[in-house]
PDB file of N, CA and C in Angstrom:
ATOM      1  N   MET A   1      95.811  84.709 101.320  1.00  0.00           N
ATOM      2  CA  MET A   1      96.970  84.099 101.925  1.00  0.00           C
ATOM      3  C   MET A   1      98.231  84.680 101.294  1.00  0.00           C
ATOM      4  N   SER A   2      99.273  84.760 102.037  1.00  0.00           N
ATOM      5  CA  SER A   2     100.521  85.348 101.583  1.00  0.00           C
ATOM      6  C   SER A   2     101.427  84.308 100.952  1.00  0.00           C
ATOM      7  N   SER A   3     102.237  84.760 100.000  1.00  0.00           N
ATOM      8  CA  SER A   3     103.210  83.862  99.394  1.00  0.00           C
ATOM      9  C   SER A   3     104.473  83.751 100.243  1.00  0.00           C
ATOM     10  N   VAL A   4     104.611  84.609 101.245  1.00  0.00           N
ATOM     11  CA  VAL A   4     105.762  84.580 102.133  1.00  0.00           C
ATOM     12  C   VAL A   4     105.428  83.698 103.331  1.00  0.00           C
ATOM     13  N   PRO A   5     106.242  82.670 103.605  1.00  0.00           N
ATOM     14  CA  PRO A   5     105.944  81.779 104.729  1.00  0.00           C
ATOM     15  C   PRO A   5     105.909  82.535 106.058  1.00  0.00           C
ATOM     16  N   GLY A   6     104.902  82.259 106.865  1.00  0.00           N
ATOM     17  CA  GLY A   6     104.799  82.866 108.183  1.00  0.00           C
ATOM     18  C   GLY A   6     103.958  84.127 108.234  1.00  0.00           C
ATOM     19  N   LEU A   7     103.823  84.843 107.114  1.00  0.00           N
ATOM     20  CA  LEU A   7     103.040  86.079 107.137  1.00  0.00           C
ATOM     21  C   LEU A   7     101.552  85.799 107.317  1.00  0.00           C
ATOM     22  N   GLY A   8     101.073  84.689 106.768  1.00  0.00           N
ATOM     23  CA  GLY A   8      99.666  84.350 106.934  1.00  0.00           C
ATOM     24  C   GLY A   8      99.306  84.164 108.387  1.00  0.00           C
ATOM     25  N   ARG A   9     100.112  83.414 109.110  1.00  0.00           N
ATOM     26  CA  ARG A   9      99.863  83.193 110.547  1.00  0.00           C
ATOM     27  C   ARG A   9     100.033  84.492 111.330  1.00  0.00           C
ATOM     28  N   LEU A  10     101.002  85.296 110.943  1.00  0.00           N
ATOM     29  CA  LEU A  10     101.234  86.574 111.607  1.00  0.00           C
ATOM     30  C   LEU A  10     100.018  87.481 111.465  1.00  0.00           C
ATOM     31  N   ARG A  11      99.378  87.437 110.325  1.00  0.00           N
ATOM     32  CA  ARG A  11      98.223  88.297 110.083  1.00  0.00           C
ATOM     33  C   ARG A  11      96.934  87.726 110.673  1.00  0.00           C
ATOM     34  N   GLU A  12      96.848  86.413 110.843  1.00  0.00           N
ATOM     35  CA  GLU A  12      95.605  85.787 111.283  1.00  0.00           C
ATOM     36  C   GLU A  12      95.488  85.643 112.797  1.00  0.00           C
ATOM     37  N   ASP A  13      96.566  85.318 113.476  1.00  0.00           N
ATOM     38  CA  ASP A  13      96.544  85.116 114.928  1.00  0.00           C
ATOM     39  C   ASP A  13      96.643  86.477 115.627  1.00  0.00           C
ATOM     40  N   PRO A  14      95.616  86.884 116.393  1.00  0.00           N
ATOM     41  CA  PRO A  14      95.615  88.220 116.997  1.00  0.00           C
ATOM     42  C   PRO A  14      96.811  88.493 117.909  1.00  0.00           C
ATOM     43  N   LEU A  15      97.199  87.533 118.736  1.00  0.00           N
ATOM     44  CA  LEU A  15      98.323  87.758 119.648  1.00  0.00           C
ATOM     45  C   LEU A  15      99.623  87.940 118.877  1.00  0.00           C
ATOM     46  N   ILE A  16      99.867  87.054 117.940  1.00  0.00           N
ATOM     47  CA  ILE A  16     101.090  87.156 117.133  1.00  0.00           C
ATOM     48  C   ILE A  16     101.066  88.428 116.297  1.00  0.00           C
ATOM     49  N   HIS A  17      99.888  88.810 115.833  1.00  0.00           N
ATOM     50  CA  HIS A  17      99.762  90.037 115.041  1.00  0.00           C
ATOM     51  C   HIS A  17     100.205  91.262 115.847  1.00  0.00           C
ATOM     52  N   TRP A  18      99.712  91.379 117.090  1.00  0.00           N
ATOM     53  CA  TRP A  18     100.067  92.538 117.911  1.00  0.00           C
ATOM     54  C   TRP A  18     101.546  92.540 118.283  1.00  0.00           C
ATOM     55  N   ILE A  19     102.081  91.369 118.567  1.00  0.00           N
ATOM     56  CA  ILE A  19     103.514  91.286 118.866  1.00  0.00           C
ATOM     57  C   ILE A  19     104.319  91.714 117.639  1.00  0.00           C
ATOM     58  N   GLY A  20     103.916  91.217 116.474  1.00  0.00           N
ATOM     59  CA  GLY A  20     104.601  91.591 115.239  1.00  0.00           C
ATOM     60  C   GLY A  20     104.495  93.075 114.949  1.00  0.00           C
ATOM     61  N   LEU A  21     103.341  93.666 115.237  1.00  0.00           N
ATOM     62  CA  LEU A  21     103.162  95.095 115.009  1.00  0.00           C
ATOM     63  C   LEU A  21     104.063  95.920 115.918  1.00  0.00           C
ATOM     64  N   VAL A  22     104.159  95.530 117.185  1.00  0.00           N
ATOM     65  CA  VAL A  22     105.038  96.250 118.120  1.00  0.00           C
ATOM     66  C   VAL A  22     106.500  96.126 117.684  1.00  0.00           C
ATOM     67  N   VAL A  23     106.894  94.926 117.283  1.00  0.00           N
ATOM     68  CA  VAL A  23     108.270  94.716 116.807  1.00  0.00           C
ATOM     69  C   VAL A  23     108.523  95.559 115.561  1.00  0.00           C
ATOM     70  N   ALA A  24     107.556  95.615 114.641  1.00  0.00           N
ATOM     71  CA  ALA A  24     107.709  96.413 113.422  1.00  0.00           C
ATOM     72  C   ALA A  24     107.858  97.898 113.741  1.00  0.00           C
ATOM     73  N   ILE A  25     107.066  98.386 114.690  1.00  0.00           N
ATOM     74  CA  ILE A  25     107.138  99.801 115.054  1.00  0.00           C
ATOM     75  C   ILE A  25     108.479 100.126 115.713  1.00  0.00           C
ATOM     76  N   VAL A  26     108.909  99.289 116.637  1.00  0.00           N
ATOM     77  CA  VAL A  26     110.189  99.540 117.326  1.00  0.00           C
ATOM     78  C   VAL A  26     111.350  99.475 116.330  1.00  0.00           C
ATOM     79  N   ALA A  27     111.340  98.465 115.462  1.00  0.00           N
ATOM     80  CA  ALA A  27     112.400  98.357 114.455  1.00  0.00           C
ATOM     81  C   ALA A  27     112.364  99.549 113.508  1.00  0.00           C
ATOM     82  N   GLY A  28     111.168  99.963 113.109  1.00  0.00           N
ATOM     83  CA  GLY A  28     111.036 101.114 112.226  1.00  0.00           C
ATOM     84  C   GLY A  28     111.526 102.400 112.866  1.00  0.00           C
ATOM     85  N   LEU A  29     111.207 102.588 114.139  1.00  0.00           N
ATOM     86  CA  LEU A  29     111.710 103.770 114.843  1.00  0.00           C
ATOM     87  C   LEU A  29     113.231 103.757 114.920  1.00  0.00           C
ATOM     88  N   GLY A  30     113.792 102.580 115.159  1.00  0.00           N
ATOM     89  CA  GLY A  30     115.251 102.480 115.189  1.00  0.00           C
ATOM     90  C   GLY A  30     115.866 102.816 113.843  1.00  0.00           C
ATOM     91  N   LEU A  31     115.280 102.297 112.778  1.00  0.00           N
ATOM     92  CA  LEU A  31     115.796 102.587 111.441  1.00  0.00           C
ATOM     93  C   LEU A  31     115.616 104.062 111.085  1.00  0.00           C
ATOM     94  N   ALA A  32     114.476 104.627 111.447  1.00  0.00           N
ATOM     95  CA  ALA A  32     114.215 106.035 111.143  1.00  0.00           C
ATOM     96  C   ALA A  32     115.127 106.970 111.924  1.00  0.00           C
ATOM     97  N   SER A  33     115.626 106.525 113.056  1.00  0.00           N
ATOM     98  CA  SER A  33     116.534 107.379 113.829  1.00  0.00           C
ATOM     99  C   SER A  33     117.927 107.425 113.216  1.00  0.00           C
ATOM    100  N   VAL A  34     118.205 106.492 112.309  1.00  0.00           N
ATOM    101  CA  VAL A  34     119.523 106.441 111.673  1.00  0.00           C
ATOM    102  C   VAL A  34     119.523 107.141 110.317  1.00  0.00           C
ATOM    103  N   HIS A  35     118.425 106.969 109.554  1.00  0.00           N
ATOM    104  CA  HIS A  35     118.383 107.520 108.202  1.00  0.00           C
ATOM    105  C   HIS A  35     116.927 107.735 107.818  1.00  0.00           C
ATOM    106  N   TRP A  36     116.669 108.701 106.972  1.00  0.00           N
ATOM    107  CA  TRP A  36     115.289 108.993 106.592  1.00  0.00           C
ATOM    108  C   TRP A  36     114.655 107.846 105.817  1.00  0.00           C
ATOM    109  N   LEU A  37     115.433 107.023 105.140  1.00  0.00           N
ATOM    110  CA  LEU A  37     114.862 105.863 104.455  1.00  0.00           C
ATOM    111  C   LEU A  37     114.287 104.849 105.451  1.00  0.00           C
ATOM    112  N   GLY A  38     114.665 104.977 106.715  1.00  0.00           N
ATOM    113  CA  GLY A  38     114.065 104.158 107.756  1.00  0.00           C
ATOM    114  C   GLY A  38     112.579 104.423 107.900  1.00  0.00           C
ATOM    115  N   LEU A  39     112.132 105.611 107.497  1.00  0.00           N
ATOM    116  CA  LEU A  39     110.698 105.899 107.492  1.00  0.00           C
ATOM    117  C   LEU A  39     109.974 104.995 106.498  1.00  0.00           C
ATOM    118  N   VAL A  40     110.561 104.815 105.322  1.00  0.00           N
ATOM    119  CA  VAL A  40     109.977 103.940 104.303  1.00  0.00           C
ATOM    120  C   VAL A  40     110.038 102.489 104.779  1.00  0.00           C
ATOM    121  N   ALA A  41     111.177 102.104 105.331  1.00  0.00           N
ATOM    122  CA  ALA A  41     111.332 100.726 105.819  1.00  0.00           C
ATOM    123  C   ALA A  41     110.369 100.441 106.967  1.00  0.00           C
ATOM    124  N   GLY A  42     110.205 101.387 107.879  1.00  0.00           N
ATOM    125  CA  GLY A  42     109.267 101.211 108.977  1.00  0.00           C
ATOM    126  C   GLY A  42     107.834 101.086 108.487  1.00  0.00           C
ATOM    127  N   GLY A  43     107.481 101.905 107.501  1.00  0.00           N
ATOM    128  CA  GLY A  43     106.153 101.788 106.907  1.00  0.00           C
ATOM    129  C   GLY A  43     105.959 100.447 106.226  1.00  0.00           C
ATOM    130  N   ALA A  44     107.009  99.940 105.588  1.00  0.00           N
ATOM    131  CA  ALA A  44     106.929  98.631 104.943  1.00  0.00           C
ATOM    132  C   ALA A  44     106.749  97.528 105.978  1.00  0.00           C
ATOM    133  N   LEU A  45     107.467  97.617 107.077  1.00  0.00           N
ATOM    134  CA  LEU A  45     107.328  96.611 108.130  1.00  0.00           C
ATOM    135  C   LEU A  45     105.921  96.607 108.709  1.00  0.00           C
ATOM    136  N   VAL A  46     105.399  97.783 108.968  1.00  0.00           N
ATOM    137  CA  VAL A  46     104.037  97.884 109.496  1.00  0.00           C
ATOM    138  C   VAL A  46     103.033  97.385 108.454  1.00  0.00           C
ATOM    139  N   GLY A  47     103.291  97.696 107.193  1.00  0.00           N
ATOM    140  CA  GLY A  47     102.407  97.244 106.129  1.00  0.00           C
ATOM    141  C   GLY A  47     102.411  95.740 105.956  1.00  0.00           C
ATOM    142  N   LEU A  48     103.561  95.118 106.135  1.00  0.00           N
ATOM    143  CA  LEU A  48     103.641  93.668 105.995  1.00  0.00           C
ATOM    144  C   LEU A  48     102.835  92.941 107.068  1.00  0.00           C
ATOM    145  N   VAL A  49     102.745  93.534 108.234  1.00  0.00           N
ATOM    146  CA  VAL A  49     102.021  92.920 109.339  1.00  0.00           C
ATOM    147  C   VAL A  49     100.509  93.119 109.185  1.00  0.00           C
ATOM    148  N   ALA A  50     100.103  94.134 108.431  1.00  0.00           N
ATOM    149  CA  ALA A  50      98.685  94.494 108.327  1.00  0.00           C
ATOM    150  C   ALA A  50      97.849  93.375 107.714  1.00  0.00           C
ATOM    151  N   THR A  51      96.593  93.312 108.145  1.00  0.00           N
ATOM    152  CA  THR A  51      95.696  92.262 107.666  1.00  0.00           C
ATOM    153  C   THR A  51      95.069  92.578 106.311  1.00  0.00           C
ATOM    154  N   SER A  52      95.078  93.844 105.900  1.00  0.00           N
ATOM    155  CA  SER A  52      94.534  94.220 104.600  1.00  0.00           C
ATOM    156  C   SER A  52      95.323  95.408 104.049  1.00  0.00           C
ATOM    157  N   PHE A  53      95.084  95.698 102.781  1.00  0.00           N
ATOM    158  CA  PHE A  53      95.784  96.813 102.151  1.00  0.00           C
ATOM    159  C   PHE A  53      95.380  98.145 102.784  1.00  0.00           C
ATOM    160  N   LYS A  54      94.089  98.300 103.067  1.00  0.00           N
ATOM    161  CA  LYS A  54      93.616  99.535 103.686  1.00  0.00           C
ATOM    162  C   LYS A  54      94.244  99.731 105.065  1.00  0.00           C
ATOM    163  N   ARG A  55      94.306  98.648 105.835  1.00  0.00           N
ATOM    164  CA  ARG A  55      94.932  98.739 107.162  1.00  0.00           C
ATOM    165  C   ARG A  55      96.430  99.001 107.062  1.00  0.00           C
ATOM    166  N   ALA A  56      97.048  98.530 106.002  1.00  0.00           N
ATOM    167  CA  ALA A  56      98.470  98.804 105.801  1.00  0.00           C
ATOM    168  C   ALA A  56      98.702 100.295 105.582  1.00  0.00           C
ATOM    169  N   LEU A  57      97.858 100.908 104.759  1.00  0.00           N
ATOM    170  CA  LEU A  57      98.000 102.343 104.515  1.00  0.00           C
ATOM    171  C   LEU A  57      97.742 103.145 105.788  1.00  0.00           C
ATOM    172  N   LEU A  58      96.716 102.763 106.519  1.00  0.00           N
ATOM    173  CA  LEU A  58      96.437 103.447 107.787  1.00  0.00           C
ATOM    174  C   LEU A  58      97.548 103.203 108.804  1.00  0.00           C
ATOM    175  N   GLY A  59      98.096 101.998 108.807  1.00  0.00           N
ATOM    176  CA  GLY A  59      99.215 101.696 109.694  1.00  0.00           C
ATOM    177  C   GLY A  59     100.450 102.510 109.348  1.00  0.00           C
ATOM    178  N   GLY A  60     100.701 102.676 108.049  1.00  0.00           N
ATOM    179  CA  GLY A  60     101.829 103.513 107.621  1.00  0.00           C
ATOM    180  C   GLY A  60     101.655 104.947 108.070  1.00  0.00           C
ATOM    181  N   LEU A  61     100.426 105.464 107.941  1.00  0.00           N
ATOM    182  CA  LEU A  61     100.156 106.824 108.401  1.00  0.00           C
ATOM    183  C   LEU A  61     100.311 106.919 109.920  1.00  0.00           C
ATOM    184  N   GLY A  62      99.813 105.916 110.625  1.00  0.00           N
ATOM    185  CA  GLY A  62      99.961 105.893 112.086  1.00  0.00           C
ATOM    186  C   GLY A  62     101.418 105.822 112.513  1.00  0.00           C
ATOM    187  N   PHE A  63     102.208 105.051 111.764  1.00  0.00           N
ATOM    188  CA  PHE A  63     103.636 104.991 112.059  1.00  0.00           C
ATOM    189  C   PHE A  63     104.284 106.360 111.842  1.00  0.00           C
ATOM    190  N   GLY A  64     103.892 107.044 110.782  1.00  0.00           N
ATOM    191  CA  GLY A  64     104.421 108.382 110.529  1.00  0.00           C
ATOM    192  C   GLY A  64     104.079 109.355 111.639  1.00  0.00           C
ATOM    193  N   VAL A  65     102.844 109.292 112.129  1.00  0.00           N
ATOM    194  CA  VAL A  65     102.440 110.156 113.246  1.00  0.00           C
ATOM    195  C   VAL A  65     103.257 109.817 114.487  1.00  0.00           C
ATOM    196  N   THR A  66     103.474 108.537 114.723  1.00  0.00           N
ATOM    197  CA  THR A  66     104.287 108.118 115.877  1.00  0.00           C
ATOM    198  C   THR A  66     105.703 108.668 115.770  1.00  0.00           C
ATOM    199  N   VAL A  67     106.288 108.575 114.585  1.00  0.00           N
ATOM    200  CA  VAL A  67     107.643 109.104 114.381  1.00  0.00           C
ATOM    201  C   VAL A  67     107.674 110.606 114.640  1.00  0.00           C
ATOM    202  N   LEU A  68     106.678 111.324 114.142  1.00  0.00           N
ATOM    203  CA  LEU A  68     106.652 112.770 114.366  1.00  0.00           C
ATOM    204  C   LEU A  68     106.477 113.120 115.842  1.00  0.00           C
ATOM    205  N   LEU A  69     105.680 112.348 116.558  1.00  0.00           N
ATOM    206  CA  LEU A  69     105.523 112.596 117.998  1.00  0.00           C
ATOM    207  C   LEU A  69     106.813 112.326 118.761  1.00  0.00           C
ATOM    208  N   VAL A  70     107.532 111.282 118.370  1.00  0.00           N
ATOM    209  CA  VAL A  70     108.826 110.993 119.002  1.00  0.00           C
ATOM    210  C   VAL A  70     109.806 112.120 118.694  1.00  0.00           C
ATOM    211  N   TRP A  71     109.809 112.583 117.437  1.00  0.00           N
ATOM    212  CA  TRP A  71     110.704 113.681 117.041  1.00  0.00           C
ATOM    213  C   TRP A  71     110.366 114.947 117.825  1.00  0.00           C
ATOM    214  N   LEU A  72     109.076 115.252 117.922  1.00  0.00           N
ATOM    215  CA  LEU A  72     108.649 116.428 118.669  1.00  0.00           C
ATOM    216  C   LEU A  72     109.071 116.333 120.128  1.00  0.00           C
ATOM    217  N   SER A  73     108.937 115.161 120.720  1.00  0.00           N
ATOM    218  CA  SER A  73     109.322 115.016 122.129  1.00  0.00           C
ATOM    219  C   SER A  73     110.826 115.177 122.317  1.00  0.00           C
ATOM    220  N   THR A  74     111.616 114.700 121.371  1.00  0.00           N
ATOM    221  CA  THR A  74     113.063 114.899 121.502  1.00  0.00           C
ATOM    222  C   THR A  74     113.428 116.374 121.368  1.00  0.00           C
ATOM    223  N   LEU A  75     112.697 117.103 120.528  1.00  0.00           N
ATOM    224  CA  LEU A  75     112.952 118.542 120.407  1.00  0.00           C
ATOM    225  C   LEU A  75     112.569 119.275 121.683  1.00  0.00           C
ATOM    226  N   VAL A  76     111.443 118.891 122.284  1.00  0.00           N
ATOM    227  CA  VAL A  76     110.991 119.534 123.522  1.00  0.00           C
ATOM    228  C   VAL A  76     111.974 119.247 124.645  1.00  0.00           C
ATOM    229  N   PHE A  77     112.335 117.967 124.816  1.00  0.00           N
ATOM    230  CA  PHE A  77     113.253 117.620 125.905  1.00  0.00           C
ATOM    231  C   PHE A  77     114.657 118.147 125.666  1.00  0.00           C
ATOM    232  N   GLY A  78     115.019 118.363 124.418  1.00  0.00           N
ATOM    233  CA  GLY A  78     116.322 118.942 124.110  1.00  0.00           C
ATOM    234  C   GLY A  78     116.336 120.455 124.226  1.00  0.00           C
ATOM    235  N   GLY A  79     115.153 121.053 124.378  1.00  0.00           N
ATOM    236  CA  GLY A  79     115.066 122.500 124.532  1.00  0.00           C
ATOM    237  C   GLY A  79     115.288 123.273 123.248  1.00  0.00           C
ATOM    238  N   VAL A  80     115.073 122.641 122.105  1.00  0.00           N
ATOM    239  CA  VAL A  80     115.340 123.317 120.834  1.00  0.00           C
ATOM    240  C   VAL A  80     114.095 123.443 119.952  1.00  0.00           C
ATOM    241  N   LEU A  81     112.926 123.210 120.510  1.00  0.00           N
ATOM    242  CA  LEU A  81     111.705 123.264 119.717  1.00  0.00           C
ATOM    243  C   LEU A  81     111.518 124.645 119.087  1.00  0.00           C
ATOM    244  N   GLY A  82     111.750 125.696 119.844  1.00  0.00           N
ATOM    245  CA  GLY A  82     111.589 127.058 119.323  1.00  0.00           C
ATOM    246  C   GLY A  82     112.502 127.342 118.147  1.00  0.00           C
ATOM    247  N   GLU A  83     113.746 126.906 118.248  1.00  0.00           N
ATOM    248  CA  GLU A  83     114.695 127.131 117.162  1.00  0.00           C
ATOM    249  C   GLU A  83     114.298 126.366 115.905  1.00  0.00           C
ATOM    250  N   VAL A  84     113.824 125.149 116.081  1.00  0.00           N
ATOM    251  CA  VAL A  84     113.416 124.350 114.929  1.00  0.00           C
ATOM    252  C   VAL A  84     112.175 124.957 114.285  1.00  0.00           C
ATOM    253  N   LEU A  85     111.204 125.368 115.078  1.00  0.00           N
ATOM    254  CA  LEU A  85     110.003 125.984 114.525  1.00  0.00           C
ATOM    255  C   LEU A  85     110.314 127.301 113.826  1.00  0.00           C
ATOM    256  N   ALA A  86     111.381 127.969 114.240  1.00  0.00           N
ATOM    257  CA  ALA A  86     111.767 129.232 113.619  1.00  0.00           C
ATOM    258  C   ALA A  86     112.281 129.045 112.196  1.00  0.00           C
ATOM    259  N   THR A  87     112.592 127.821 111.812  1.00  0.00           N
ATOM    260  CA  THR A  87     113.058 127.601 110.439  1.00  0.00           C
ATOM    261  C   THR A  87     111.934 127.704 109.421  1.00  0.00           C
ATOM    262  N   GLY A  88     110.691 127.771 109.894  1.00  0.00           N
ATOM    263  CA  GLY A  88     109.562 128.031 109.015  1.00  0.00           C
ATOM    264  C   GLY A  88     109.169 126.857 108.149  1.00  0.00           C
ATOM    265  N   GLN A  89     109.254 127.052 106.842  1.00  0.00           N
ATOM    266  CA  GLN A  89     108.775 126.050 105.897  1.00  0.00           C
ATOM    267  C   GLN A  89     109.579 124.759 105.916  1.00  0.00           C
ATOM    268  N   PHE A  90     110.805 124.805 106.391  1.00  0.00           N
ATOM    269  CA  PHE A  90     111.599 123.583 106.466  1.00  0.00           C
ATOM    270  C   PHE A  90     110.973 122.564 107.419  1.00  0.00           C
ATOM    271  N   VAL A  91     110.308 123.043 108.451  1.00  0.00           N
ATOM    272  CA  VAL A  91     109.626 122.152 109.383  1.00  0.00           C
ATOM    273  C   VAL A  91     108.499 121.424 108.667  1.00  0.00           C
ATOM    274  N   TRP A  92     107.779 122.132 107.797  1.00  0.00           N
ATOM    275  CA  TRP A  92     106.668 121.505 107.073  1.00  0.00           C
ATOM    276  C   TRP A  92     107.157 120.442 106.102  1.00  0.00           C
ATOM    277  N   ILE A  93     108.341 120.633 105.555  1.00  0.00           N
ATOM    278  CA  ILE A  93     108.932 119.597 104.692  1.00  0.00           C
ATOM    279  C   ILE A  93     109.213 118.341 105.525  1.00  0.00           C
ATOM    280  N   ALA A  94     109.769 118.533 106.702  1.00  0.00           N
ATOM    281  CA  ALA A  94     110.049 117.391 107.584  1.00  0.00           C
ATOM    282  C   ALA A  94     108.764 116.677 107.987  1.00  0.00           C
ATOM    283  N   VAL A  95     107.719 117.434 108.273  1.00  0.00           N
ATOM    284  CA  VAL A  95     106.438 116.838 108.646  1.00  0.00           C
ATOM    285  C   VAL A  95     105.847 116.074 107.459  1.00  0.00           C
ATOM    286  N   ALA A  96     105.913 116.662 106.272  1.00  0.00           N
ATOM    287  CA  ALA A  96     105.373 115.994 105.085  1.00  0.00           C
ATOM    288  C   ALA A  96     106.118 114.690 104.796  1.00  0.00           C
ATOM    289  N   VAL A  97     107.435 114.719 104.868  1.00  0.00           N
ATOM    290  CA  VAL A  97     108.219 113.503 104.634  1.00  0.00           C
ATOM    291  C   VAL A  97     107.917 112.476 105.718  1.00  0.00           C
ATOM    292  N   GLY A  98     107.784 112.936 106.952  1.00  0.00           N
ATOM    293  CA  GLY A  98     107.488 112.035 108.059  1.00  0.00           C
ATOM    294  C   GLY A  98     106.138 111.352 107.934  1.00  0.00           C
ATOM    295  N   LEU A  99     105.204 111.981 107.250  1.00  0.00           N
ATOM    296  CA  LEU A  99     103.889 111.369 107.067  1.00  0.00           C
ATOM    297  C   LEU A  99     103.773 110.576 105.761  1.00  0.00           C
ATOM    298  N   ILE A 100     104.405 111.045 104.710  1.00  0.00           N
ATOM    299  CA  ILE A 100     104.245 110.426 103.391  1.00  0.00           C
ATOM    300  C   ILE A 100     105.153 109.220 103.204  1.00  0.00           C
ATOM    301  N   ALA A 101     106.397 109.291 103.660  1.00  0.00           N
ATOM    302  CA  ALA A 101     107.351 108.199 103.435  1.00  0.00           C
ATOM    303  C   ALA A 101     106.873 106.860 104.019  1.00  0.00           C
ATOM    304  N   PRO A 102     106.348 106.810 105.249  1.00  0.00           N
ATOM    305  CA  PRO A 102     105.861 105.519 105.751  1.00  0.00           C
ATOM    306  C   PRO A 102     104.667 104.978 104.964  1.00  0.00           C
ATOM    307  N   VAL A 103     103.810 105.865 104.487  1.00  0.00           N
ATOM    308  CA  VAL A 103     102.672 105.409 103.688  1.00  0.00           C
ATOM    309  C   VAL A 103     103.173 104.806 102.375  1.00  0.00           C
ATOM    310  N   ILE A 104     104.185 105.414 101.786  1.00  0.00           N
ATOM    311  CA  ILE A 104     104.769 104.852 100.563  1.00  0.00           C
ATOM    312  C   ILE A 104     105.368 103.469 100.865  1.00  0.00           C
ATOM    313  N   GLY A 105     106.032 103.343 101.997  1.00  0.00           N
ATOM    314  CA  GLY A 105     106.585 102.048 102.374  1.00  0.00           C
ATOM    315  C   GLY A 105     105.507 101.004 102.610  1.00  0.00           C
ATOM    316  N   SER A 106     104.368 101.431 103.151  1.00  0.00           N
ATOM    317  CA  SER A 106     103.306 100.464 103.447  1.00  0.00           C
ATOM    318  C   SER A 106     102.634  99.935 102.185  1.00  0.00           C
ATOM    319  N   LEU A 107     102.892 100.547 101.055  1.00  0.00           N
ATOM    320  CA  LEU A 107     102.340 100.053  99.787  1.00  0.00           C
ATOM    321  C   LEU A 107     102.851  98.658  99.446  1.00  0.00           C
ATOM    322  N   VAL A 108     103.910  98.228 100.117  1.00  0.00           N
ATOM    323  CA  VAL A 108     104.445  96.880  99.896  1.00  0.00           C
ATOM    324  C   VAL A 108     103.386  95.830 100.192  1.00  0.00           C
ATOM    325  N   ARG A 109     102.403  96.155 101.016  1.00  0.00           N
ATOM    326  CA  ARG A 109     101.336  95.193 101.344  1.00  0.00           C
ATOM    327  C   ARG A 109     100.541  94.813 100.094  1.00  0.00           C
ATOM    328  N   GLY A 110     100.476  95.689  99.112  1.00  0.00           N
ATOM    329  CA  GLY A 110      99.790  95.387  97.871  1.00  0.00           C
ATOM    330  C   GLY A 110     100.523  94.354  97.031  1.00  0.00           C
ATOM    331  N   ILE A 111     101.810  94.150  97.298  1.00  0.00           N
ATOM    332  CA  ILE A 111     102.618  93.190  96.551  1.00  0.00           C
ATOM    333  C   ILE A 111     102.676  91.862  97.263  1.00  0.00           C
ATOM    334  N   VAL A 112     102.823  91.907  98.595  1.00  0.00           N
ATOM    335  CA  VAL A 112     103.008  90.674  99.378  1.00  0.00           C
ATOM    336  C   VAL A 112     101.735  90.293 100.082  1.00  0.00           C
TER     337      VAL A 112
END
């Protein structure tokens, strides 16, 4: 059981859990579109909703993949994917941060 009021019910009731997860993902995407620390915050939000620590880590990774897919789609629709890929190793740094930062944020599930 959680020490934070409401998190126990959020994690136990399947309908509320899925609604909370969708809200966490949308809020995290919004935060990540403003600043890179939004990746950590989004991972934390997804982690808080998770039913276990393992699911929190997997949720953080899934959130990171979602962010990268959204980023990739904006590059494709903006017509700049080729230019971004031409930067070489800088793209891999962005991918690594996009995958690792949400997982670090999801570690909050181990505390709460």
